[in-house]
Amino acid sequence: MDETLEILAAAKKTADSANIKGILRGKSDISRCVDCLKKLETCPFNAEIINTHNIYKTLQNLCKHKSRKICSAASRLINKVEDAPRKKVRAMLEEAFSKVASESRGKIGKNMCLRDPVEVAAMLESEMFTQMGTCLGNQKMKYRSILFNLRDAKNPDLRRKVLCGDIKPAELIKMKSEEMASNQLKLEMSEIRNRAALREESLICQLAECNAVY
């Protein structure tokens, strides 16, 4: 992986140099950058290394380069880089939905059936990517919220409803974190809000008493 990062650094360095020199004078730098990006197409990528080293952001910047050749090469590579975390998201969703069959014994109605976990995971991930873009972008927290709640051991109902089709992928994406949360987590969040409200009310009363004294 060190070699991958070295090649990416070389690509960025030559791209920056080409920008400084200009398109005409920076032809050799442009060629070296494109060669580096082509080499990266054969290198392995995974979600962890992409996140840790901001690889996605670097490629996004290269896609905005003045040189069309660099833009084109970076665009091809960014498609590959996006694919690694997408596969990880699908795998996590498949794992969550695969638990439903054992969790839902006796809870599935006569007119209700469990769909294929792999198929539903693919459908949901595809809808997430279509609506929110890659999980490496600005919607990272929303991705985390959906994955956390679907994988929460105390939240089998959410998994079952999505797998059975009671909650459609587009509907799930629009739900707030609290709406997706398990009943236990909702209760805990409600208790936290109640305690905060009581503290605030107590503080207001104390301030009112102080003002009355003065």
N, C-alpha and C. Protein backbone atom coordinates (compact mmCIF):
# COMPACT_ATOMS: atom_id res chain seq x y z
N MET A 1 0.82 -1.20 0.00
CA MET A 1 0.00 0.00 0.00
C MET A 1 0.86 1.26 0.00
N ASP A 2 2.10 1.17 0.56
CA ASP A 2 3.01 2.32 0.54
C ASP A 2 3.29 2.74 -0.89
N GLU A 3 3.45 1.76 -1.78
CA GLU A 3 3.71 2.07 -3.19
C GLU A 3 2.53 2.82 -3.80
N THR A 4 1.31 2.42 -3.45
CA THR A 4 0.12 3.09 -3.95
C THR A 4 0.11 4.56 -3.55
N LEU A 5 0.42 4.83 -2.29
CA LEU A 5 0.44 6.19 -1.78
C LEU A 5 1.56 7.01 -2.42
N GLU A 6 2.68 6.36 -2.68
CA GLU A 6 3.80 7.05 -3.35
C GLU A 6 3.42 7.46 -4.77
N ILE A 7 2.75 6.56 -5.47
CA ILE A 7 2.34 6.86 -6.85
C ILE A 7 1.31 7.97 -6.86
N LEU A 8 0.38 7.94 -5.89
CA LEU A 8 -0.63 8.99 -5.79
C LEU A 8 0.02 10.34 -5.48
N ALA A 9 0.99 10.33 -4.60
CA ALA A 9 1.71 11.57 -4.26
C ALA A 9 2.44 12.12 -5.49
N ALA A 10 3.02 11.23 -6.29
CA ALA A 10 3.71 11.64 -7.51
C ALA A 10 2.73 12.23 -8.51
N ALA A 11 1.55 11.63 -8.59
CA ALA A 11 0.52 12.14 -9.50
C ALA A 11 0.09 13.54 -9.09
N LYS A 12 -0.11 13.75 -7.80
CA LYS A 12 -0.52 15.07 -7.30
C LYS A 12 0.58 16.10 -7.53
N LYS A 13 1.82 15.70 -7.29
CA LYS A 13 2.94 16.62 -7.45
C LYS A 13 3.09 17.08 -8.89
N THR A 14 3.00 16.14 -9.83
CA THR A 14 3.14 16.50 -11.25
C THR A 14 1.93 17.28 -11.74
N ALA A 15 0.74 17.00 -11.18
CA ALA A 15 -0.46 17.76 -11.55
C ALA A 15 -0.33 19.20 -11.09
N ASP A 16 0.17 19.39 -9.86
CA ASP A 16 0.37 20.75 -9.34
C ASP A 16 1.41 21.50 -10.18
N SER A 17 2.46 20.78 -10.56
CA SER A 17 3.50 21.39 -11.39
C SER A 17 2.95 21.82 -12.74
N ALA A 18 2.09 20.98 -13.33
CA ALA A 18 1.49 21.30 -14.62
C ALA A 18 0.58 22.53 -14.51
N ASN A 19 -0.10 22.65 -13.39
CA ASN A 19 -0.96 23.81 -13.17
C ASN A 19 -0.15 25.11 -13.11
N ILE A 20 1.00 25.03 -12.46
CA ILE A 20 1.86 26.21 -12.32
C ILE A 20 2.45 26.61 -13.67
N LYS A 21 2.90 25.62 -14.43
CA LYS A 21 3.54 25.90 -15.73
C LYS A 21 2.53 26.26 -16.81
N GLY A 22 1.30 25.74 -16.66
CA GLY A 22 0.31 25.95 -17.71
C GLY A 22 0.23 24.73 -18.61
N ILE A 23 -0.88 24.62 -19.36
CA ILE A 23 -1.13 23.44 -20.19
C ILE A 23 -0.05 23.22 -21.23
N LEU A 24 0.39 24.26 -21.90
CA LEU A 24 1.37 24.11 -22.98
C LEU A 24 2.75 23.76 -22.45
N ARG A 25 3.22 24.48 -21.45
CA ARG A 25 4.57 24.26 -20.93
C ARG A 25 4.63 23.05 -20.00
N GLY A 26 3.46 22.59 -19.52
CA GLY A 26 3.46 21.49 -18.56
C GLY A 26 3.09 20.14 -19.16
N LYS A 27 3.31 19.99 -20.47
CA LYS A 27 2.92 18.74 -21.14
C LYS A 27 3.60 17.51 -20.54
N SER A 28 4.91 17.64 -20.23
CA SER A 28 5.62 16.48 -19.69
C SER A 28 5.09 16.10 -18.30
N ASP A 29 4.75 17.12 -17.51
CA ASP A 29 4.18 16.85 -16.18
C ASP A 29 2.81 16.20 -16.30
N ILE A 30 2.03 16.66 -17.28
CA ILE A 30 0.70 16.08 -17.51
C ILE A 30 0.82 14.61 -17.88
N SER A 31 1.77 14.31 -18.75
CA SER A 31 1.98 12.91 -19.17
C SER A 31 2.39 12.04 -17.99
N ARG A 32 3.30 12.57 -17.14
CA ARG A 32 3.74 11.79 -15.97
C ARG A 32 2.58 11.57 -15.00
N CYS A 33 1.75 12.58 -14.83
CA CYS A 33 0.60 12.46 -13.93
C CYS A 33 -0.37 11.39 -14.44
N VAL A 34 -0.67 11.44 -15.73
CA VAL A 34 -1.58 10.46 -16.33
C VAL A 34 -1.02 9.05 -16.21
N ASP A 35 0.29 8.91 -16.41
CA ASP A 35 0.93 7.59 -16.27
C ASP A 35 0.78 7.06 -14.84
N CYS A 36 0.94 7.96 -13.86
CA CYS A 36 0.79 7.56 -12.46
C CYS A 36 -0.64 7.11 -12.17
N LEU A 37 -1.60 7.85 -12.70
CA LEU A 37 -3.00 7.50 -12.47
C LEU A 37 -3.36 6.18 -13.13
N LYS A 38 -2.78 5.90 -14.28
CA LYS A 38 -3.01 4.62 -14.94
C LYS A 38 -2.43 3.46 -14.12
N LYS A 39 -1.26 3.71 -13.50
CA LYS A 39 -0.66 2.68 -12.64
C LYS A 39 -1.55 2.39 -11.45
N LEU A 40 -2.18 3.44 -10.92
CA LEU A 40 -3.04 3.28 -9.75
C LEU A 40 -4.26 2.41 -10.05
N GLU A 41 -4.65 2.32 -11.30
CA GLU A 41 -5.81 1.50 -11.67
C GLU A 41 -5.57 0.02 -11.40
N THR A 42 -4.30 -0.36 -11.31
CA THR A 42 -3.95 -1.76 -11.04
C THR A 42 -3.63 -2.00 -9.57
N CYS A 43 -3.66 -0.93 -8.76
CA CYS A 43 -3.32 -1.06 -7.34
C CYS A 43 -4.56 -1.40 -6.51
N PRO A 44 -4.37 -2.10 -5.39
CA PRO A 44 -5.51 -2.44 -4.53
C PRO A 44 -5.95 -1.25 -3.67
N PHE A 45 -7.24 -1.14 -3.45
CA PHE A 45 -7.79 -0.10 -2.58
C PHE A 45 -8.77 -0.74 -1.62
N ASN A 46 -8.84 -0.19 -0.42
CA ASN A 46 -9.88 -0.60 0.52
C ASN A 46 -10.40 0.64 1.24
N ALA A 47 -11.57 0.51 1.85
CA ALA A 47 -12.23 1.67 2.46
C ALA A 47 -11.36 2.32 3.54
N GLU A 48 -10.65 1.52 4.31
CA GLU A 48 -9.85 2.07 5.41
C GLU A 48 -8.73 2.96 4.90
N ILE A 49 -7.98 2.48 3.90
CA ILE A 49 -6.86 3.25 3.37
C ILE A 49 -7.36 4.49 2.64
N ILE A 50 -8.52 4.38 2.00
CA ILE A 50 -9.09 5.52 1.28
C ILE A 50 -9.45 6.63 2.25
N ASN A 51 -10.08 6.27 3.37
CA ASN A 51 -10.48 7.25 4.38
C ASN A 51 -9.27 7.85 5.10
N THR A 52 -8.34 7.00 5.48
CA THR A 52 -7.19 7.43 6.28
C THR A 52 -6.34 8.45 5.55
N HIS A 53 -6.18 8.27 4.24
CA HIS A 53 -5.26 9.13 3.49
C HIS A 53 -5.97 10.11 2.54
N ASN A 54 -7.28 10.29 2.74
CA ASN A 54 -8.03 11.26 1.93
C ASN A 54 -7.84 11.06 0.42
N ILE A 55 -7.76 9.80 0.02
CA ILE A 55 -7.53 9.50 -1.40
C ILE A 55 -8.68 10.01 -2.26
N TYR A 56 -9.89 9.85 -1.77
CA TYR A 56 -11.06 10.28 -2.55
C TYR A 56 -11.01 11.79 -2.81
N LYS A 57 -10.68 12.56 -1.78
CA LYS A 57 -10.63 14.02 -1.92
C LYS A 57 -9.54 14.43 -2.91
N THR A 58 -8.40 13.75 -2.84
CA THR A 58 -7.30 14.05 -3.77
C THR A 58 -7.73 13.82 -5.21
N LEU A 59 -8.42 12.71 -5.46
CA LEU A 59 -8.87 12.40 -6.81
C LEU A 59 -9.95 13.37 -7.28
N GLN A 60 -10.81 13.80 -6.34
CA GLN A 60 -11.83 14.79 -6.69
C GLN A 60 -11.18 16.08 -7.18
N ASN A 61 -10.12 16.49 -6.51
CA ASN A 61 -9.40 17.70 -6.92
C ASN A 61 -8.74 17.52 -8.29
N LEU A 62 -8.21 16.33 -8.54
CA LEU A 62 -7.59 16.06 -9.84
C LEU A 62 -8.63 16.05 -10.95
N CYS A 63 -9.87 15.68 -10.61
CA CYS A 63 -10.94 15.70 -11.62
C CYS A 63 -11.29 17.12 -12.06
N LYS A 64 -10.83 18.12 -11.30
CA LYS A 64 -11.09 19.52 -11.63
C LYS A 64 -9.87 20.19 -12.27
N HIS A 65 -8.87 19.39 -12.61
CA HIS A 65 -7.63 19.93 -13.17
C HIS A 65 -7.86 20.61 -14.52
N LYS A 66 -6.99 21.55 -14.86
CA LYS A 66 -7.10 22.27 -16.13
C LYS A 66 -6.90 21.34 -17.33
N SER A 67 -6.10 20.29 -17.12
CA SER A 67 -5.83 19.34 -18.21
C SER A 67 -6.95 18.32 -18.32
N ARG A 68 -7.54 18.19 -19.51
CA ARG A 68 -8.60 17.21 -19.72
C ARG A 68 -8.08 15.78 -19.58
N LYS A 69 -6.81 15.58 -19.94
CA LYS A 69 -6.23 14.24 -19.84
C LYS A 69 -6.16 13.80 -18.38
N ILE A 70 -5.75 14.72 -17.50
CA ILE A 70 -5.67 14.40 -16.08
C ILE A 70 -7.08 14.19 -15.52
N CYS A 71 -8.01 15.04 -15.92
CA CYS A 71 -9.40 14.91 -15.47
C CYS A 71 -9.98 13.55 -15.84
N SER A 72 -9.74 13.14 -17.08
CA SER A 72 -10.27 11.88 -17.58
C SER A 72 -9.67 10.69 -16.83
N ALA A 73 -8.34 10.73 -16.62
CA ALA A 73 -7.66 9.63 -15.92
C ALA A 73 -8.11 9.56 -14.47
N ALA A 74 -8.28 10.72 -13.84
CA ALA A 74 -8.72 10.75 -12.43
C ALA A 74 -10.16 10.26 -12.31
N SER A 75 -11.00 10.60 -13.28
CA SER A 75 -12.41 10.17 -13.26
C SER A 75 -12.52 8.66 -13.34
N ARG A 76 -11.70 8.05 -14.21
CA ARG A 76 -11.72 6.58 -14.32
C ARG A 76 -11.31 5.94 -13.00
N LEU A 77 -10.30 6.52 -12.38
CA LEU A 77 -9.78 5.95 -11.13
C LEU A 77 -10.76 6.14 -9.97
N ILE A 78 -11.43 7.29 -9.95
CA ILE A 78 -12.33 7.57 -8.83
C ILE A 78 -13.51 6.59 -8.83
N ASN A 79 -13.89 6.11 -10.00
CA ASN A 79 -14.96 5.10 -10.07
C ASN A 79 -14.54 3.82 -9.36
N LYS A 80 -13.25 3.47 -9.51
CA LYS A 80 -12.73 2.27 -8.84
C LYS A 80 -12.65 2.49 -7.33
N VAL A 81 -12.20 3.69 -6.94
CA VAL A 81 -12.05 4.01 -5.53
C VAL A 81 -13.41 4.02 -4.83
N GLU A 82 -14.43 4.52 -5.52
CA GLU A 82 -15.79 4.55 -4.96
C GLU A 82 -16.33 3.14 -4.74
N ASP A 83 -15.90 2.21 -5.57
CA ASP A 83 -16.44 0.85 -5.54
C ASP A 83 -16.05 0.10 -4.27
N ALA A 84 -14.85 0.37 -3.73
CA ALA A 84 -14.38 -0.35 -2.54
C ALA A 84 -15.27 -0.11 -1.32
N PRO A 85 -15.54 1.15 -0.95
CA PRO A 85 -16.43 1.34 0.20
C PRO A 85 -17.87 0.93 -0.07
N ARG A 86 -18.30 0.99 -1.33
CA ARG A 86 -19.66 0.54 -1.66
C ARG A 86 -19.80 -0.95 -1.38
N LYS A 87 -18.78 -1.71 -1.73
CA LYS A 87 -18.80 -3.15 -1.46
C LYS A 87 -18.85 -3.42 0.04
N LYS A 88 -18.12 -2.60 0.81
CA LYS A 88 -18.10 -2.79 2.26
C LYS A 88 -19.48 -2.48 2.84
N VAL A 89 -20.14 -1.42 2.35
CA VAL A 89 -21.48 -1.07 2.82
C VAL A 89 -22.45 -2.20 2.53
N ARG A 90 -22.39 -2.75 1.32
CA ARG A 90 -23.29 -3.85 0.95
C ARG A 90 -23.06 -5.07 1.85
N ALA A 91 -21.80 -5.35 2.13
CA ALA A 91 -21.48 -6.50 2.98
C ALA A 91 -22.05 -6.32 4.39
N MET A 92 -21.97 -5.09 4.91
CA MET A 92 -22.50 -4.80 6.24
C MET A 92 -24.02 -4.91 6.26
N LEU A 93 -24.66 -4.47 5.19
CA LEU A 93 -26.12 -4.57 5.09
C LEU A 93 -26.55 -6.03 4.96
N GLU A 94 -25.82 -6.80 4.15
CA GLU A 94 -26.13 -8.22 4.00
C GLU A 94 -26.05 -8.94 5.35
N GLU A 95 -25.01 -8.60 6.10
CA GLU A 95 -24.82 -9.23 7.42
C GLU A 95 -26.00 -8.91 8.34
N ALA A 96 -26.45 -7.65 8.29
CA ALA A 96 -27.58 -7.24 9.15
C ALA A 96 -28.86 -7.96 8.74
N PHE A 97 -29.16 -7.99 7.45
CA PHE A 97 -30.41 -8.59 6.98
C PHE A 97 -30.41 -10.11 7.13
N SER A 98 -29.22 -10.70 7.15
CA SER A 98 -29.13 -12.16 7.28
C SER A 98 -29.56 -12.63 8.67
N LYS A 99 -29.59 -11.72 9.64
CA LYS A 99 -29.98 -12.08 11.00
C LYS A 99 -31.50 -12.18 11.17
N VAL A 100 -32.24 -11.57 10.24
CA VAL A 100 -33.68 -11.42 10.41
C VAL A 100 -34.41 -12.75 10.51
N ALA A 101 -34.04 -13.72 9.70
CA ALA A 101 -34.74 -15.01 9.69
C ALA A 101 -34.77 -15.65 11.07
N SER A 102 -33.62 -15.65 11.76
CA SER A 102 -33.55 -16.26 13.09
C SER A 102 -34.19 -15.37 14.15
N GLU A 103 -34.16 -14.05 13.93
CA GLU A 103 -34.72 -13.11 14.91
C GLU A 103 -36.25 -13.04 14.84
N SER A 104 -36.81 -13.39 13.67
CA SER A 104 -38.23 -13.13 13.43
C SER A 104 -39.13 -14.35 13.50
N ARG A 105 -38.66 -15.44 14.06
CA ARG A 105 -39.50 -16.63 14.18
C ARG A 105 -40.76 -16.31 14.98
N GLY A 106 -41.92 -16.56 14.37
CA GLY A 106 -43.18 -16.31 15.03
C GLY A 106 -43.68 -14.89 14.89
N LYS A 107 -42.87 -14.00 14.26
CA LYS A 107 -43.27 -12.60 14.10
C LYS A 107 -43.67 -12.27 12.68
N ILE A 108 -43.46 -13.20 11.76
CA ILE A 108 -43.77 -12.96 10.35
C ILE A 108 -45.21 -13.39 10.07
N GLY A 109 -46.03 -12.46 9.58
CA GLY A 109 -47.42 -12.75 9.28
C GLY A 109 -47.57 -13.67 8.08
N LYS A 110 -48.79 -14.19 7.89
CA LYS A 110 -49.05 -15.12 6.79
C LYS A 110 -48.82 -14.47 5.43
N ASN A 111 -49.16 -13.19 5.33
CA ASN A 111 -49.03 -12.49 4.05
C ASN A 111 -47.69 -11.76 3.91
N MET A 112 -46.79 -12.05 4.82
CA MET A 112 -45.50 -11.37 4.82
C MET A 112 -44.40 -12.39 4.58
N CYS A 113 -43.45 -12.03 3.74
CA CYS A 113 -42.35 -12.95 3.46
C CYS A 113 -41.03 -12.21 3.55
N LEU A 114 -40.00 -12.96 3.89
CA LEU A 114 -38.67 -12.39 3.96
C LEU A 114 -38.03 -12.46 2.58
N ARG A 115 -37.51 -11.34 2.13
CA ARG A 115 -36.85 -11.32 0.83
C ARG A 115 -35.38 -11.70 0.98
N ASP A 116 -34.72 -11.89 -0.14
CA ASP A 116 -33.31 -12.28 -0.15
C ASP A 116 -32.47 -11.16 0.45
N PRO A 117 -31.71 -11.43 1.54
CA PRO A 117 -30.89 -10.40 2.18
C PRO A 117 -29.88 -9.76 1.23
N VAL A 118 -29.30 -10.56 0.35
CA VAL A 118 -28.32 -10.04 -0.59
C VAL A 118 -28.97 -9.06 -1.57
N GLU A 119 -30.14 -9.44 -2.06
CA GLU A 119 -30.87 -8.59 -3.01
C GLU A 119 -31.31 -7.27 -2.37
N VAL A 120 -31.84 -7.35 -1.15
CA VAL A 120 -32.30 -6.14 -0.46
C VAL A 120 -31.12 -5.24 -0.10
N ALA A 121 -30.01 -5.85 0.31
CA ALA A 121 -28.81 -5.07 0.63
C ALA A 121 -28.33 -4.30 -0.60
N ALA A 122 -28.35 -4.97 -1.75
CA ALA A 122 -27.93 -4.31 -3.00
C ALA A 122 -28.88 -3.18 -3.37
N MET A 123 -30.18 -3.41 -3.20
CA MET A 123 -31.19 -2.39 -3.52
C MET A 123 -31.02 -1.16 -2.62
N LEU A 124 -30.83 -1.40 -1.32
CA LEU A 124 -30.70 -0.30 -0.37
C LEU A 124 -29.41 0.48 -0.62
N GLU A 125 -28.32 -0.22 -0.80
CA GLU A 125 -27.04 0.47 -1.03
C GLU A 125 -27.09 1.29 -2.31
N SER A 126 -27.71 0.73 -3.34
CA SER A 126 -27.84 1.44 -4.61
C SER A 126 -28.66 2.73 -4.44
N GLU A 127 -29.74 2.64 -3.66
CA GLU A 127 -30.57 3.82 -3.40
C GLU A 127 -29.81 4.85 -2.55
N MET A 128 -29.04 4.37 -1.60
CA MET A 128 -28.23 5.26 -0.77
C MET A 128 -27.21 6.00 -1.63
N PHE A 129 -26.57 5.26 -2.52
CA PHE A 129 -25.56 5.87 -3.39
C PHE A 129 -26.21 6.87 -4.35
N THR A 130 -27.38 6.53 -4.89
CA THR A 130 -28.08 7.41 -5.82
C THR A 130 -28.50 8.71 -5.15
N GLN A 131 -29.03 8.60 -3.94
CA GLN A 131 -29.55 9.78 -3.25
C GLN A 131 -28.48 10.59 -2.52
N MET A 132 -27.47 9.89 -1.98
CA MET A 132 -26.50 10.57 -1.11
C MET A 132 -25.09 10.62 -1.65
N GLY A 133 -24.83 9.87 -2.73
CA GLY A 133 -23.47 9.81 -3.22
C GLY A 133 -22.65 8.82 -2.40
N THR A 134 -21.35 8.85 -2.55
CA THR A 134 -20.48 7.91 -1.86
C THR A 134 -20.43 8.19 -0.37
N CYS A 135 -20.18 7.14 0.41
CA CYS A 135 -20.07 7.30 1.86
C CYS A 135 -18.77 8.00 2.25
N LEU A 136 -17.93 8.30 1.27
CA LEU A 136 -16.69 9.03 1.54
C LEU A 136 -16.92 10.54 1.51
N GLY A 137 -18.11 10.94 1.07
CA GLY A 137 -18.39 12.36 0.89
C GLY A 137 -19.07 13.01 2.08
N ASN A 138 -19.89 14.03 1.80
CA ASN A 138 -20.53 14.82 2.86
C ASN A 138 -21.59 14.06 3.63
N GLN A 139 -22.07 12.94 3.07
CA GLN A 139 -23.14 12.17 3.72
C GLN A 139 -22.62 11.03 4.60
N LYS A 140 -21.36 11.12 5.00
CA LYS A 140 -20.75 10.05 5.78
C LYS A 140 -21.53 9.77 7.07
N MET A 141 -21.96 10.82 7.75
CA MET A 141 -22.68 10.65 9.02
C MET A 141 -24.03 9.98 8.81
N LYS A 142 -24.70 10.29 7.70
CA LYS A 142 -25.99 9.66 7.40
C LYS A 142 -25.79 8.18 7.12
N TYR A 143 -24.74 7.84 6.38
CA TYR A 143 -24.41 6.44 6.13
C TYR A 143 -24.20 5.71 7.46
N ARG A 144 -23.43 6.33 8.34
CA ARG A 144 -23.13 5.71 9.64
C ARG A 144 -24.40 5.50 10.46
N SER A 145 -25.30 6.47 10.40
CA SER A 145 -26.55 6.38 11.15
C SER A 145 -27.39 5.20 10.66
N ILE A 146 -27.52 5.07 9.35
CA ILE A 146 -28.32 3.98 8.77
C ILE A 146 -27.69 2.63 9.11
N LEU A 147 -26.39 2.52 8.92
CA LEU A 147 -25.71 1.25 9.18
C LEU A 147 -25.76 0.89 10.67
N PHE A 148 -25.56 1.88 11.54
CA PHE A 148 -25.60 1.61 12.98
C PHE A 148 -26.96 1.07 13.40
N ASN A 149 -28.01 1.74 12.96
CA ASN A 149 -29.35 1.34 13.39
C ASN A 149 -29.78 0.01 12.80
N LEU A 150 -29.38 -0.28 11.57
CA LEU A 150 -29.74 -1.57 10.97
C LEU A 150 -28.95 -2.72 11.59
N ARG A 151 -27.75 -2.42 12.09
CA ARG A 151 -26.91 -3.47 12.66
C ARG A 151 -27.03 -3.57 14.18
N ASP A 152 -27.76 -2.63 14.79
CA ASP A 152 -27.93 -2.61 16.24
C ASP A 152 -28.59 -3.91 16.71
N ALA A 153 -27.93 -4.62 17.62
CA ALA A 153 -28.47 -5.89 18.12
C ALA A 153 -29.83 -5.72 18.79
N LYS A 154 -30.11 -4.51 19.30
CA LYS A 154 -31.36 -4.26 19.99
C LYS A 154 -32.44 -3.68 19.07
N ASN A 155 -32.18 -3.71 17.76
CA ASN A 155 -33.12 -3.11 16.82
C ASN A 155 -33.55 -4.08 15.71
N PRO A 156 -34.04 -5.28 16.08
CA PRO A 156 -34.42 -6.27 15.06
C PRO A 156 -35.63 -5.85 14.23
N ASP A 157 -36.51 -5.05 14.82
CA ASP A 157 -37.73 -4.64 14.10
C ASP A 157 -37.41 -3.82 12.86
N LEU A 158 -36.43 -2.95 12.96
CA LEU A 158 -36.06 -2.11 11.80
C LEU A 158 -35.53 -2.99 10.68
N ARG A 159 -34.64 -3.93 11.01
CA ARG A 159 -34.10 -4.84 10.00
C ARG A 159 -35.22 -5.61 9.31
N ARG A 160 -36.14 -6.13 10.14
CA ARG A 160 -37.24 -6.96 9.60
C ARG A 160 -38.15 -6.14 8.69
N LYS A 161 -38.47 -4.92 9.10
CA LYS A 161 -39.37 -4.08 8.30
C LYS A 161 -38.76 -3.72 6.95
N VAL A 162 -37.45 -3.47 6.93
CA VAL A 162 -36.79 -3.15 5.66
C VAL A 162 -36.70 -4.39 4.78
N LEU A 163 -36.35 -5.52 5.38
CA LEU A 163 -36.21 -6.76 4.62
C LEU A 163 -37.55 -7.22 4.05
N CYS A 164 -38.62 -7.04 4.83
CA CYS A 164 -39.96 -7.46 4.38
C CYS A 164 -40.59 -6.47 3.41
N GLY A 165 -40.02 -5.28 3.32
CA GLY A 165 -40.57 -4.29 2.40
C GLY A 165 -41.53 -3.32 3.05
N ASP A 166 -41.73 -3.42 4.37
CA ASP A 166 -42.61 -2.48 5.07
C ASP A 166 -42.04 -1.07 5.04
N ILE A 167 -40.71 -1.00 5.07
CA ILE A 167 -40.01 0.29 4.94
C ILE A 167 -39.19 0.22 3.65
N LYS A 168 -39.51 1.07 2.70
CA LYS A 168 -38.80 1.10 1.42
C LYS A 168 -37.45 1.81 1.59
N PRO A 169 -36.44 1.46 0.77
CA PRO A 169 -35.14 2.11 0.86
C PRO A 169 -35.21 3.63 0.85
N ALA A 170 -36.02 4.20 -0.05
CA ALA A 170 -36.13 5.67 -0.13
C ALA A 170 -36.71 6.24 1.17
N GLU A 171 -37.64 5.51 1.80
CA GLU A 171 -38.24 5.96 3.06
C GLU A 171 -37.22 5.91 4.19
N LEU A 172 -36.43 4.84 4.22
CA LEU A 172 -35.43 4.67 5.26
C LEU A 172 -34.42 5.82 5.23
N ILE A 173 -33.99 6.19 4.04
CA ILE A 173 -32.99 7.24 3.89
C ILE A 173 -33.50 8.58 4.41
N LYS A 174 -34.80 8.80 4.29
CA LYS A 174 -35.38 10.07 4.75
C LYS A 174 -35.62 10.11 6.26
N MET A 175 -35.57 8.94 6.90
CA MET A 175 -35.82 8.87 8.34
C MET A 175 -34.68 9.50 9.14
N LYS A 176 -35.03 10.15 10.24
CA LYS A 176 -34.03 10.71 11.13
C LYS A 176 -33.48 9.58 12.01
N SER A 177 -32.32 9.84 12.62
CA SER A 177 -31.68 8.81 13.44
C SER A 177 -32.60 8.30 14.54
N GLU A 178 -33.33 9.22 15.18
CA GLU A 178 -34.21 8.82 16.26
C GLU A 178 -35.36 7.96 15.76
N GLU A 179 -35.82 8.22 14.54
CA GLU A 179 -36.92 7.43 13.98
C GLU A 179 -36.47 6.00 13.70
N MET A 180 -35.20 5.84 13.34
CA MET A 180 -34.67 4.51 13.06
C MET A 180 -34.28 3.75 14.32
N ALA A 181 -34.05 4.46 15.39
CA ALA A 181 -33.50 3.87 16.61
C ALA A 181 -34.41 2.80 17.21
N SER A 182 -33.81 1.92 17.99
CA SER A 182 -34.56 0.88 18.69
C SER A 182 -35.42 1.53 19.77
N ASN A 183 -36.44 0.79 20.23
CA ASN A 183 -37.32 1.32 21.28
C ASN A 183 -36.54 1.65 22.55
N GLN A 184 -35.56 0.81 22.85
CA GLN A 184 -34.76 1.04 24.06
C GLN A 184 -33.95 2.33 23.94
N LEU A 185 -33.35 2.52 22.76
CA LEU A 185 -32.55 3.73 22.55
C LEU A 185 -33.44 4.97 22.56
N LYS A 186 -34.64 4.86 21.98
CA LYS A 186 -35.58 5.98 22.00
C LYS A 186 -35.94 6.35 23.44
N LEU A 187 -36.15 5.32 24.28
CA LEU A 187 -36.48 5.55 25.67
C LEU A 187 -35.33 6.24 26.39
N GLU A 188 -34.12 5.77 26.14
CA GLU A 188 -32.94 6.38 26.77
C GLU A 188 -32.78 7.84 26.34
N MET A 189 -33.01 8.11 25.05
CA MET A 189 -32.89 9.48 24.55
C MET A 189 -33.98 10.36 25.15
N SER A 190 -35.17 9.80 25.33
CA SER A 190 -36.27 10.55 25.93
C SER A 190 -35.95 10.90 27.38
N GLU A 191 -35.37 9.94 28.11
CA GLU A 191 -35.00 10.18 29.51
C GLU A 191 -33.92 11.25 29.62
N ILE A 192 -32.98 11.23 28.67
CA ILE A 192 -31.92 12.24 28.67
C ILE A 192 -32.51 13.63 28.45
N ARG A 193 -33.46 13.73 27.50
CA ARG A 193 -34.10 15.02 27.24
C ARG A 193 -34.90 15.49 28.45
N ASN A 194 -35.59 14.55 29.10
CA ASN A 194 -36.38 14.91 30.28
C ASN A 194 -35.50 15.42 31.42
N ARG A 195 -34.36 14.73 31.62
CA ARG A 195 -33.44 15.17 32.68
C ARG A 195 -32.87 16.55 32.36
N ALA A 196 -32.56 16.77 31.08
CA ALA A 196 -32.04 18.07 30.67
C ALA A 196 -33.08 19.17 30.88
N ALA A 197 -34.34 18.84 30.57
CA ALA A 197 -35.42 19.82 30.74
C ALA A 197 -35.63 20.15 32.22
N LEU A 198 -35.52 19.14 33.09
CA LEU A 198 -35.68 19.35 34.53
C LEU A 198 -34.55 20.22 35.07
N ARG A 199 -33.32 19.96 34.59
CA ARG A 199 -32.18 20.77 35.03
C ARG A 199 -32.36 22.22 34.61
N GLU A 200 -32.82 22.39 33.35
CA GLU A 200 -33.04 23.75 32.84
C GLU A 200 -34.12 24.46 33.65
N GLU A 201 -35.20 23.74 33.97
CA GLU A 201 -36.29 24.33 34.74
C GLU A 201 -35.82 24.71 36.14
N SER A 202 -35.00 23.84 36.74
CA SER A 202 -34.46 24.11 38.07
C SER A 202 -33.57 25.34 38.05
N LEU A 203 -32.74 25.47 37.00
CA LEU A 203 -31.85 26.61 36.88
C LEU A 203 -32.64 27.91 36.72
N ILE A 204 -33.70 27.85 35.93
CA ILE A 204 -34.55 29.04 35.72
C ILE A 204 -35.18 29.47 37.04
N CYS A 205 -35.64 28.50 37.84
CA CYS A 205 -36.24 28.81 39.14
C CYS A 205 -35.23 29.45 40.08
N GLN A 206 -34.00 28.92 40.07
CA GLN A 206 -32.95 29.48 40.93
C GLN A 206 -32.62 30.91 40.54
N LEU A 207 -32.56 31.15 39.22
CA LEU A 207 -32.27 32.51 38.74
C LEU A 207 -33.42 33.46 39.12
N ALA A 208 -34.66 32.95 39.01
CA ALA A 208 -35.82 33.77 39.36
C ALA A 208 -35.79 34.15 40.84
N GLU A 209 -35.39 33.18 41.71
CA GLU A 209 -35.32 33.44 43.13
C GLU A 209 -34.23 34.46 43.45
N CYS A 210 -33.10 34.35 42.74
CA CYS A 210 -32.01 35.31 42.93
C CYS A 210 -32.44 36.72 42.54
N ASN A 211 -33.14 36.82 41.43
CA ASN A 211 -33.61 38.13 40.96
C ASN A 211 -34.63 38.73 41.93
N ALA A 212 -35.44 37.84 42.52
CA ALA A 212 -36.47 38.32 43.48
C ALA A 212 -35.78 38.88 44.72
N VAL A 213 -34.69 38.29 45.14
CA VAL A 213 -33.96 38.75 46.33
C VAL A 213 -33.36 40.13 46.10
N TYR A 214 -32.81 40.31 44.88
CA TYR A 214 -32.18 41.60 44.58
C TYR A 214 -33.19 42.61 44.07
